[in-house]
C-alpha atoms as a PDB file:
ATOM      1  CA  UNK A   1       0.060  -0.014   0.050  1.00  0.00           C
ATOM      2  CA  UNK A   2       0.957   3.611  -0.498  1.00  0.00           C
ATOM      3  CA  UNK A   3       0.885   6.335   2.143  1.00  0.00           C
ATOM      4  CA  UNK A   4       0.950   9.870   0.824  1.00  0.00           C
ATOM      5  CA  UNK A   5       1.798  13.036   2.684  1.00  0.00           C
ATOM      6  CA  UNK A   6       1.454  16.436   1.271  1.00  0.00           C
ATOM      7  CA  UNK A   7       3.457  19.570   2.160  1.00  0.00           C
ATOM      8  CA  UNK A   8       4.205  23.124   0.903  1.00  0.00           C
ATOM      9  CA  UNK A   9       0.894  24.721   1.531  1.00  0.00           C
ATOM     10  CA  UNK A  10       0.466  28.028   3.088  1.00  0.00           C
ATOM     11  CA  UNK A  11      -0.756  31.623   2.731  1.00  0.00           C
ATOM     12  CA  UNK A  12       0.303  33.658  -0.363  1.00  0.00           C
ATOM     13  CA  UNK A  13      -0.796  36.881  -1.987  1.00  0.00           C
ATOM     14  CA  UNK A  14      -2.704  36.811  -5.361  1.00  0.00           C
ATOM     15  CA  UNK A  15      -0.133  36.560  -8.153  1.00  0.00           C
ATOM     16  CA  UNK A  16       2.358  34.623  -5.984  1.00  0.00           C
ATOM     17  CA  UNK A  17       3.597  31.081  -6.245  1.00  0.00           C
ATOM     18  CA  UNK A  18       3.796  27.855  -4.224  1.00  0.00           C
ATOM     19  CA  UNK A  19       5.133  24.376  -4.826  1.00  0.00           C
ATOM     20  CA  UNK A  20       3.319  21.483  -3.161  1.00  0.00           C
ATOM     21  CA  UNK A  21       5.118  18.093  -2.614  1.00  0.00           C
ATOM     22  CA  UNK A  22       3.515  14.745  -2.047  1.00  0.00           C
ATOM     23  CA  UNK A  23       5.799  12.009  -0.672  1.00  0.00           C
ATOM     24  CA  UNK A  24       4.838   8.427  -0.911  1.00  0.00           C
ATOM     25  CA  UNK A  25       6.100   5.779   1.703  1.00  0.00           C
ATOM     26  CA  UNK A  26       5.142   2.595  -0.274  1.00  0.00           C
ATOM     27  CA  UNK A  27       7.310   0.646  -2.475  1.00  0.00           C
ATOM     28  CA  UNK A  28       5.259   0.700  -5.645  1.00  0.00           C
ATOM     29  CA  UNK A  29       4.988   4.602  -6.267  1.00  0.00           C
ATOM     30  CA  UNK A  30       6.282   4.287  -9.794  1.00  0.00           C
ATOM     31  CA  UNK A  31       3.282   1.872 -10.748  1.00  0.00           C
ATOM     32  CA  UNK A  32       0.768   4.544 -10.183  1.00  0.00           C
ATOM     33  CA  UNK A  33      -0.365   7.638 -12.193  1.00  0.00           C
ATOM     34  CA  UNK A  34      -0.532  10.503  -9.674  1.00  0.00           C
ATOM     35  CA  UNK A  35      -2.925  13.507  -9.457  1.00  0.00           C
ATOM     36  CA  UNK A  36      -3.733  16.519  -7.442  1.00  0.00           C
ATOM     37  CA  UNK A  37      -7.319  17.432  -6.440  1.00  0.00           C
ATOM     38  CA  UNK A  38      -8.620  20.314  -4.397  1.00  0.00           C
ATOM     39  CA  UNK A  39     -11.649  21.148  -2.279  1.00  0.00           C
ATOM     40  CA  UNK A  40     -12.690  24.653  -1.459  1.00  0.00           C
ATOM     41  CA  UNK A  41     -14.976  25.552   1.581  1.00  0.00           C
ATOM     42  CA  UNK A  42     -18.487  24.437   0.757  1.00  0.00           C
ATOM     43  CA  UNK A  43     -17.526  23.054  -2.536  1.00  0.00           C
ATOM     44  CA  UNK A  44     -17.193  19.538  -4.045  1.00  0.00           C
ATOM     45  CA  UNK A  45     -13.620  18.193  -4.613  1.00  0.00           C
ATOM     46  CA  UNK A  46     -12.363  19.013  -8.131  1.00  0.00           C
ATOM     47  CA  UNK A  47      -9.719  17.658 -10.334  1.00  0.00           C
ATOM     48  CA  UNK A  48      -6.660  19.816 -10.812  1.00  0.00           C
ATOM     49  CA  UNK A  49      -3.859  17.791 -12.568  1.00  0.00           C
ATOM     50  CA  UNK A  50      -2.567  14.330 -13.268  1.00  0.00           C
ATOM     51  CA  UNK A  51       0.666  12.639 -14.520  1.00  0.00           C
ATOM     52  CA  UNK A  52       1.285   9.124 -15.807  1.00  0.00           C
ATOM     53  CA  UNK A  53       3.424   6.732 -14.109  1.00  0.00           C
ATOM     54  CA  UNK A  54       6.533   7.490 -16.027  1.00  0.00           C
ATOM     55  CA  UNK A  55       5.778  11.326 -16.163  1.00  0.00           C
ATOM     56  CA  UNK A  56       5.368  11.108 -20.048  1.00  0.00           C
ATOM     57  CA  UNK A  57       1.889  12.718 -20.066  1.00  0.00           C
ATOM     58  CA  UNK A  58       0.135  15.161 -18.055  1.00  0.00           C
ATOM     59  CA  UNK A  59      -3.505  16.624 -18.029  1.00  0.00           C
ATOM     60  CA  UNK A  60      -4.826  19.738 -16.230  1.00  0.00           C
ATOM     61  CA  UNK A  61      -8.182  21.306 -15.460  1.00  0.00           C
ATOM     62  CA  UNK A  62      -8.883  24.257 -17.579  1.00  0.00           C
ATOM     63  CA  UNK A  63      -8.981  26.627 -14.625  1.00  0.00           C
ATOM     64  CA  UNK A  64      -5.269  25.916 -13.860  1.00  0.00           C
ATOM     65  CA  UNK A  65      -3.702  25.091 -17.255  1.00  0.00           C
ATOM     66  CA  UNK A  66      -0.870  27.525 -18.102  1.00  0.00           C
ATOM     67  CA  UNK A  67      -0.401  28.379 -14.475  1.00  0.00           C
ATOM     68  CA  UNK A  68       0.086  24.974 -12.767  1.00  0.00           C
ATOM     69  CA  UNK A  69       2.663  22.316 -13.553  1.00  0.00           C
ATOM     70  CA  UNK A  70       2.576  18.769 -12.150  1.00  0.00           C
ATOM     71  CA  UNK A  71       5.805  16.690 -12.230  1.00  0.00           C
ATOM     72  CA  UNK A  72       7.302  13.562 -10.446  1.00  0.00           C
ATOM     73  CA  UNK A  73      10.560  12.055  -9.420  1.00  0.00           C
ATOM     74  CA  UNK A  74      10.192   8.346  -9.098  1.00  0.00           C
ATOM     75  CA  UNK A  75      13.632   8.067  -7.527  1.00  0.00           C
ATOM     76  CA  UNK A  76      12.337  10.156  -4.605  1.00  0.00           C
ATOM     77  CA  UNK A  77       8.794   8.751  -4.740  1.00  0.00           C
ATOM     78  CA  UNK A  78       7.535  12.314  -4.824  1.00  0.00           C
ATOM     79  CA  UNK A  79       5.082  14.291  -6.983  1.00  0.00           C
ATOM     80  CA  UNK A  80       4.947  18.055  -7.155  1.00  0.00           C
ATOM     81  CA  UNK A  81       2.540  20.732  -8.109  1.00  0.00           C
ATOM     82  CA  UNK A  82       4.219  24.068  -9.087  1.00  0.00           C
ATOM     83  CA  UNK A  83       1.498  26.805  -8.778  1.00  0.00           C
ATOM     84  CA  UNK A  84       2.015  30.218 -10.339  1.00  0.00           C
ATOM     85  CA  UNK A  85      -0.082  33.361 -10.653  1.00  0.00           C
ATOM     86  CA  UNK A  86      -2.174  32.099  -7.863  1.00  0.00           C
ATOM     87  CA  UNK A  87      -5.792  33.652  -7.688  1.00  0.00           C
ATOM     88  CA  UNK A  88      -8.020  33.807  -4.624  1.00  0.00           C
ATOM     89  CA  UNK A  89     -10.325  31.116  -6.273  1.00  0.00           C
ATOM     90  CA  UNK A  90      -7.450  28.700  -6.021  1.00  0.00           C
ATOM     91  CA  UNK A  91      -7.836  28.754  -2.166  1.00  0.00           C
ATOM     92  CA  UNK A  92      -8.606  25.163  -1.160  1.00  0.00           C
ATOM     93  CA  UNK A  93      -7.246  22.065   0.621  1.00  0.00           C
ATOM     94  CA  UNK A  94      -5.060  20.322  -1.920  1.00  0.00           C
ATOM     95  CA  UNK A  95      -4.849  16.542  -1.984  1.00  0.00           C
ATOM     96  CA  UNK A  96      -2.546  14.269  -3.832  1.00  0.00           C
ATOM     97  CA  UNK A  97      -3.838  10.778  -5.031  1.00  0.00           C
ATOM     98  CA  UNK A  98      -2.434   7.776  -6.543  1.00  0.00           C
ATOM     99  CA  UNK A  99      -4.207   5.429  -9.000  1.00  0.00           C
ATOM    100  CA  UNK A 100      -5.245   5.658 -12.665  1.00  0.00           C
ATOM    101  CA  UNK A 101      -4.582   8.373 -15.092  1.00  0.00           C
ATOM    102  CA  UNK A 102      -7.868  10.163 -14.909  1.00  0.00           C
ATOM    103  CA  UNK A 103      -9.743  13.423 -13.887  1.00  0.00           C
ATOM    104  CA  UNK A 104     -12.139  11.390 -11.865  1.00  0.00           C
ATOM    105  CA  UNK A 105     -11.576  10.968  -8.202  1.00  0.00           C
ATOM    106  CA  UNK A 106     -13.091   7.458  -8.208  1.00  0.00           C
ATOM    107  CA  UNK A 107      -9.902   6.186 -10.312  1.00  0.00           C
ATOM    108  CA  UNK A 108      -7.589   6.987  -7.441  1.00  0.00           C
ATOM    109  CA  UNK A 109      -6.814   4.298  -4.757  1.00  0.00           C
ATOM    110  CA  UNK A 110      -4.606   6.263  -2.231  1.00  0.00           C
ATOM    111  CA  UNK A 111      -5.066   9.700  -0.869  1.00  0.00           C
ATOM    112  CA  UNK A 112      -2.908  12.107   1.245  1.00  0.00           C
ATOM    113  CA  UNK A 113      -4.347  14.089   4.081  1.00  0.00           C
ATOM    114  CA  UNK A 114      -4.363  17.387   2.307  1.00  0.00           C
ATOM    115  CA  UNK A 115      -2.412  20.647   2.626  1.00  0.00           C
ATOM    116  CA  UNK A 116      -4.184  24.131   2.864  1.00  0.00           C
ATOM    117  CA  UNK A 117      -3.504  26.763   0.250  1.00  0.00           C
ATOM    118  CA  UNK A 118      -4.916  30.139   0.916  1.00  0.00           C
ATOM    119  CA  UNK A 119      -4.610  32.966  -1.620  1.00  0.00           C
ATOM    120  CA  UNK A 120      -5.519  36.438  -0.385  1.00  0.00           C
ATOM    121  CA  UNK A 121      -6.619  39.357  -2.486  1.00  0.00           C
END
């Protein structure tokens, strides 16, 4: 099994940047596609970005495309989300997940505990 732990969240001004990290403790990290989802207060969890097991392909939600970049380092069993030009509407708890290469949360088998990102105006 994989255990995922996110880090790197915090408070940032609109227009600023943050890089989130998600470290996996299992032994099969490279066998999974990875993804980031987020959930804002009072809203449903939404897809942000996903990356294939070897990092060869990525996909993004339209709301973040061009601003966010997902990447992974299988040697470190870590996936990253570089977030640039942050907007107040990006405020949410961000979760990393391991599973299938999909925009659907149902395709992911393992989830981290989440890290809070707050973007002030």
